[in-house]
Amino acid sequence: GLATELFETDLYRLTISSEVFDSRDQKYRINTGAEFGFNELIFLRGGYRFNDELTDFSLGTGLNLPSFQGVGLRFDYSYENHAYFGGVQKISAFISY
């Protein structure tokens, strides 16, 4: 896999990534994605999986709150299109100290 910053300024950045997954019992898959970050506070994400029988695209967003007295909070939300379950939504929260 590879990832790089396509462009980056003091206020925002765009990261793109791609990976090739090959195993003996399945056909190869290619996963691609991008993340746009604004001020390292708000993030927009999207991805696509080629040759995957279960999922194809995903979308997401994130919020990284500034640390307060050494405690940081981060929230993420994602949506993934799934062949059997339809739209799968995931919510996560992280606390750092």
N, C-alpha and C. Protein backbone atom coordinates (compact mmCIF):
# COMPACT_ATOMS: atom_id res chain seq x y z
N GLY A 1 0.82 -1.19 0.00
CA GLY A 1 0.00 0.00 0.00
C GLY A 1 0.86 1.24 0.00
N LEU A 2 0.27 2.32 -0.47
CA LEU A 2 0.93 3.61 -0.51
C LEU A 2 -0.03 4.70 -0.05
N ALA A 3 0.51 5.73 0.56
CA ALA A 3 -0.28 6.90 0.95
C ALA A 3 0.60 8.13 0.81
N THR A 4 -0.01 9.25 0.46
CA THR A 4 0.73 10.49 0.33
C THR A 4 -0.19 11.68 0.54
N GLU A 5 0.40 12.78 0.93
CA GLU A 5 -0.33 14.04 1.01
C GLU A 5 -0.37 14.63 -0.39
N LEU A 6 -1.54 14.73 -0.99
CA LEU A 6 -1.66 15.29 -2.32
C LEU A 6 -1.39 16.79 -2.30
N PHE A 7 -1.92 17.47 -1.30
CA PHE A 7 -1.54 18.85 -1.03
C PHE A 7 -1.75 19.13 0.45
N GLU A 8 -1.01 20.12 0.94
CA GLU A 8 -1.06 20.43 2.37
C GLU A 8 -0.71 21.89 2.58
N THR A 9 -1.50 22.60 3.37
CA THR A 9 -1.21 23.97 3.79
C THR A 9 -1.31 24.01 5.31
N ASP A 10 -1.19 25.20 5.89
CA ASP A 10 -1.33 25.34 7.34
C ASP A 10 -2.76 25.07 7.79
N LEU A 11 -3.73 25.22 6.89
CA LEU A 11 -5.13 25.11 7.26
C LEU A 11 -5.78 23.78 6.86
N TYR A 12 -5.39 23.21 5.74
CA TYR A 12 -6.03 21.97 5.29
C TYR A 12 -5.05 21.07 4.55
N ARG A 13 -5.47 19.81 4.38
CA ARG A 13 -4.64 18.84 3.66
C ARG A 13 -5.54 17.79 3.02
N LEU A 14 -5.00 17.14 1.99
CA LEU A 14 -5.69 16.05 1.33
C LEU A 14 -4.73 14.87 1.24
N THR A 15 -5.11 13.77 1.87
CA THR A 15 -4.32 12.55 1.86
C THR A 15 -5.03 11.52 1.00
N ILE A 16 -4.28 10.84 0.13
CA ILE A 16 -4.84 9.77 -0.68
C ILE A 16 -4.06 8.49 -0.39
N SER A 17 -4.73 7.35 -0.55
CA SER A 17 -4.06 6.08 -0.30
C SER A 17 -4.63 5.01 -1.22
N SER A 18 -3.83 3.97 -1.41
CA SER A 18 -4.25 2.83 -2.22
C SER A 18 -3.46 1.62 -1.77
N GLU A 19 -4.11 0.45 -1.83
CA GLU A 19 -3.43 -0.79 -1.48
C GLU A 19 -3.98 -1.91 -2.35
N VAL A 20 -3.13 -2.88 -2.61
CA VAL A 20 -3.52 -4.08 -3.35
C VAL A 20 -3.44 -5.25 -2.38
N PHE A 21 -4.53 -5.99 -2.26
CA PHE A 21 -4.60 -7.12 -1.36
C PHE A 21 -4.77 -8.38 -2.20
N ASP A 22 -3.87 -9.32 -2.03
CA ASP A 22 -3.91 -10.57 -2.79
C ASP A 22 -3.75 -11.73 -1.82
N SER A 23 -4.65 -12.70 -1.94
CA SER A 23 -4.54 -13.90 -1.10
C SER A 23 -4.76 -15.12 -1.97
N ARG A 24 -4.40 -16.26 -1.48
CA ARG A 24 -4.49 -17.50 -2.26
C ARG A 24 -5.92 -17.99 -2.45
N ASP A 25 -6.81 -17.64 -1.52
CA ASP A 25 -8.17 -18.17 -1.60
C ASP A 25 -9.20 -17.18 -2.16
N GLN A 26 -8.78 -15.95 -2.49
CA GLN A 26 -9.68 -14.96 -3.06
C GLN A 26 -8.98 -14.22 -4.18
N LYS A 27 -9.76 -13.59 -5.03
CA LYS A 27 -9.16 -12.77 -6.08
C LYS A 27 -8.57 -11.50 -5.46
N TYR A 28 -7.66 -10.88 -6.18
CA TYR A 28 -7.02 -9.69 -5.64
C TYR A 28 -8.03 -8.55 -5.54
N ARG A 29 -7.80 -7.67 -4.59
CA ARG A 29 -8.65 -6.50 -4.38
C ARG A 29 -7.79 -5.25 -4.32
N ILE A 30 -8.37 -4.17 -4.76
CA ILE A 30 -7.71 -2.87 -4.69
C ILE A 30 -8.58 -1.95 -3.85
N ASN A 31 -7.99 -1.38 -2.81
CA ASN A 31 -8.70 -0.45 -1.93
C ASN A 31 -8.10 0.94 -2.13
N THR A 32 -8.95 1.94 -2.33
CA THR A 32 -8.49 3.32 -2.47
C THR A 32 -9.27 4.20 -1.52
N GLY A 33 -8.67 5.31 -1.14
CA GLY A 33 -9.36 6.21 -0.23
C GLY A 33 -8.73 7.58 -0.20
N ALA A 34 -9.46 8.53 0.37
CA ALA A 34 -8.97 9.89 0.51
C ALA A 34 -9.53 10.48 1.80
N GLU A 35 -8.75 11.38 2.39
CA GLU A 35 -9.18 12.10 3.59
C GLU A 35 -8.83 13.57 3.42
N PHE A 36 -9.83 14.42 3.61
CA PHE A 36 -9.62 15.86 3.60
C PHE A 36 -9.71 16.33 5.04
N GLY A 37 -8.66 16.95 5.53
CA GLY A 37 -8.63 17.45 6.90
C GLY A 37 -8.59 18.96 6.92
N PHE A 38 -9.45 19.57 7.71
CA PHE A 38 -9.49 21.02 7.85
C PHE A 38 -9.00 21.38 9.24
N ASN A 39 -7.85 22.04 9.31
CA ASN A 39 -7.28 22.52 10.57
C ASN A 39 -7.05 21.40 11.58
N GLU A 40 -6.88 20.17 11.11
CA GLU A 40 -6.73 18.98 11.96
C GLU A 40 -7.84 18.90 13.00
N LEU A 41 -9.01 19.44 12.63
CA LEU A 41 -10.17 19.46 13.51
C LEU A 41 -11.33 18.67 12.92
N ILE A 42 -11.63 18.92 11.64
CA ILE A 42 -12.74 18.27 10.95
C ILE A 42 -12.19 17.49 9.77
N PHE A 43 -12.70 16.26 9.57
CA PHE A 43 -12.19 15.39 8.52
C PHE A 43 -13.36 14.83 7.70
N LEU A 44 -13.17 14.76 6.40
CA LEU A 44 -14.10 14.11 5.49
C LEU A 44 -13.36 12.99 4.80
N ARG A 45 -13.98 11.80 4.72
CA ARG A 45 -13.30 10.64 4.18
C ARG A 45 -14.18 9.91 3.17
N GLY A 46 -13.53 9.26 2.22
CA GLY A 46 -14.24 8.44 1.25
C GLY A 46 -13.33 7.35 0.74
N GLY A 47 -13.92 6.23 0.34
CA GLY A 47 -13.11 5.13 -0.16
C GLY A 47 -13.91 4.24 -1.09
N TYR A 48 -13.18 3.44 -1.85
CA TYR A 48 -13.81 2.49 -2.76
C TYR A 48 -12.97 1.22 -2.79
N ARG A 49 -13.66 0.07 -2.82
CA ARG A 49 -13.00 -1.23 -2.91
C ARG A 49 -13.36 -1.88 -4.24
N PHE A 50 -12.36 -2.19 -5.02
CA PHE A 50 -12.55 -2.86 -6.30
C PHE A 50 -12.41 -4.37 -6.11
N ASN A 51 -13.22 -5.15 -6.82
CA ASN A 51 -13.21 -6.62 -6.78
C ASN A 51 -13.57 -7.18 -5.42
N ASP A 52 -14.37 -6.47 -4.65
CA ASP A 52 -14.82 -6.94 -3.35
C ASP A 52 -16.30 -7.29 -3.47
N GLU A 53 -16.66 -8.52 -3.13
CA GLU A 53 -18.03 -8.98 -3.30
C GLU A 53 -18.98 -8.46 -2.22
N LEU A 54 -18.45 -8.01 -1.08
CA LEU A 54 -19.30 -7.60 0.02
C LEU A 54 -19.52 -6.09 0.11
N THR A 55 -18.51 -5.32 -0.14
CA THR A 55 -18.62 -3.87 -0.01
C THR A 55 -18.02 -3.19 -1.23
N ASP A 56 -18.45 -1.95 -1.47
CA ASP A 56 -17.82 -1.20 -2.55
C ASP A 56 -17.38 0.19 -2.06
N PHE A 57 -18.29 1.05 -1.65
CA PHE A 57 -17.86 2.39 -1.25
C PHE A 57 -18.12 2.63 0.23
N SER A 58 -17.40 3.61 0.76
CA SER A 58 -17.60 4.04 2.15
C SER A 58 -17.39 5.54 2.23
N LEU A 59 -18.07 6.15 3.17
CA LEU A 59 -17.97 7.59 3.43
C LEU A 59 -17.84 7.79 4.93
N GLY A 60 -17.22 8.89 5.33
CA GLY A 60 -17.10 9.14 6.76
C GLY A 60 -16.71 10.56 7.07
N THR A 61 -16.79 10.86 8.34
CA THR A 61 -16.39 12.17 8.84
C THR A 61 -15.80 11.98 10.24
N GLY A 62 -15.04 12.97 10.67
CA GLY A 62 -14.44 12.90 11.99
C GLY A 62 -14.30 14.27 12.61
N LEU A 63 -14.25 14.30 13.92
CA LEU A 63 -14.07 15.53 14.68
C LEU A 63 -13.01 15.28 15.74
N ASN A 64 -11.95 16.06 15.72
CA ASN A 64 -10.84 15.91 16.66
C ASN A 64 -10.80 17.17 17.53
N LEU A 65 -11.35 17.10 18.72
CA LEU A 65 -11.42 18.27 19.59
C LEU A 65 -10.06 18.57 20.21
N PRO A 66 -9.74 19.85 20.38
CA PRO A 66 -8.48 20.21 21.02
C PRO A 66 -8.40 19.68 22.45
N SER A 67 -7.19 19.38 22.88
CA SER A 67 -7.00 18.87 24.24
C SER A 67 -7.39 19.92 25.27
N PHE A 68 -7.99 19.45 26.34
CA PHE A 68 -8.35 20.31 27.45
C PHE A 68 -7.78 19.68 28.72
N GLN A 69 -6.84 20.35 29.35
CA GLN A 69 -6.15 19.88 30.55
C GLN A 69 -5.57 18.48 30.32
N GLY A 70 -4.99 18.27 29.14
CA GLY A 70 -4.32 17.02 28.83
C GLY A 70 -5.21 15.89 28.36
N VAL A 71 -6.50 16.17 28.19
CA VAL A 71 -7.45 15.14 27.74
C VAL A 71 -7.96 15.53 26.36
N GLY A 72 -7.83 14.61 25.40
CA GLY A 72 -8.31 14.85 24.06
C GLY A 72 -9.48 13.95 23.71
N LEU A 73 -10.37 14.43 22.86
CA LEU A 73 -11.52 13.67 22.42
C LEU A 73 -11.58 13.63 20.89
N ARG A 74 -11.94 12.49 20.35
CA ARG A 74 -12.10 12.35 18.91
C ARG A 74 -13.34 11.50 18.64
N PHE A 75 -14.14 11.94 17.68
CA PHE A 75 -15.35 11.22 17.28
C PHE A 75 -15.29 10.93 15.79
N ASP A 76 -15.70 9.73 15.40
CA ASP A 76 -15.71 9.34 13.99
C ASP A 76 -17.04 8.70 13.64
N TYR A 77 -17.48 8.93 12.42
CA TYR A 77 -18.69 8.31 11.89
C TYR A 77 -18.37 7.80 10.49
N SER A 78 -18.87 6.61 10.16
CA SER A 78 -18.67 6.10 8.80
C SER A 78 -19.91 5.35 8.32
N TYR A 79 -20.06 5.35 7.02
CA TYR A 79 -21.15 4.64 6.34
C TYR A 79 -20.51 3.76 5.28
N GLU A 80 -20.91 2.49 5.24
CA GLU A 80 -20.35 1.55 4.27
C GLU A 80 -21.50 0.79 3.61
N ASN A 81 -21.46 0.72 2.30
CA ASN A 81 -22.45 -0.03 1.55
C ASN A 81 -22.07 -1.51 1.60
N HIS A 82 -22.97 -2.36 2.12
CA HIS A 82 -22.67 -3.78 2.30
C HIS A 82 -23.69 -4.62 1.54
N ALA A 83 -23.23 -5.69 0.90
CA ALA A 83 -24.10 -6.52 0.08
C ALA A 83 -25.20 -7.19 0.88
N TYR A 84 -24.92 -7.67 2.08
CA TYR A 84 -25.91 -8.40 2.88
C TYR A 84 -26.64 -7.53 3.89
N PHE A 85 -25.96 -6.54 4.46
CA PHE A 85 -26.54 -5.75 5.53
C PHE A 85 -27.04 -4.38 5.08
N GLY A 86 -26.88 -4.04 3.81
CA GLY A 86 -27.28 -2.73 3.33
C GLY A 86 -26.30 -1.67 3.81
N GLY A 87 -26.83 -0.55 4.25
CA GLY A 87 -25.97 0.53 4.75
C GLY A 87 -25.55 0.28 6.18
N VAL A 88 -24.26 0.09 6.40
CA VAL A 88 -23.72 -0.15 7.74
C VAL A 88 -23.13 1.16 8.25
N GLN A 89 -23.59 1.59 9.43
CA GLN A 89 -23.11 2.82 10.03
C GLN A 89 -22.30 2.49 11.28
N LYS A 90 -21.17 3.18 11.42
CA LYS A 90 -20.30 2.97 12.58
C LYS A 90 -20.02 4.31 13.24
N ILE A 91 -20.06 4.31 14.57
CA ILE A 91 -19.74 5.49 15.35
C ILE A 91 -18.69 5.08 16.37
N SER A 92 -17.65 5.90 16.50
CA SER A 92 -16.61 5.60 17.49
C SER A 92 -16.19 6.87 18.22
N ALA A 93 -15.72 6.70 19.43
CA ALA A 93 -15.23 7.80 20.25
C ALA A 93 -13.90 7.37 20.88
N PHE A 94 -12.97 8.30 20.91
CA PHE A 94 -11.63 8.03 21.48
C PHE A 94 -11.31 9.10 22.52
N ILE A 95 -10.75 8.65 23.61
CA ILE A 95 -10.28 9.55 24.66
C ILE A 95 -8.78 9.33 24.81
N SER A 96 -8.03 10.42 24.77
CA SER A 96 -6.57 10.31 25.00
C SER A 96 -6.20 11.18 26.19
N TYR A 97 -5.18 10.72 26.94
CA TYR A 97 -4.73 11.48 28.10
C TYR A 97 -3.26 11.28 28.29
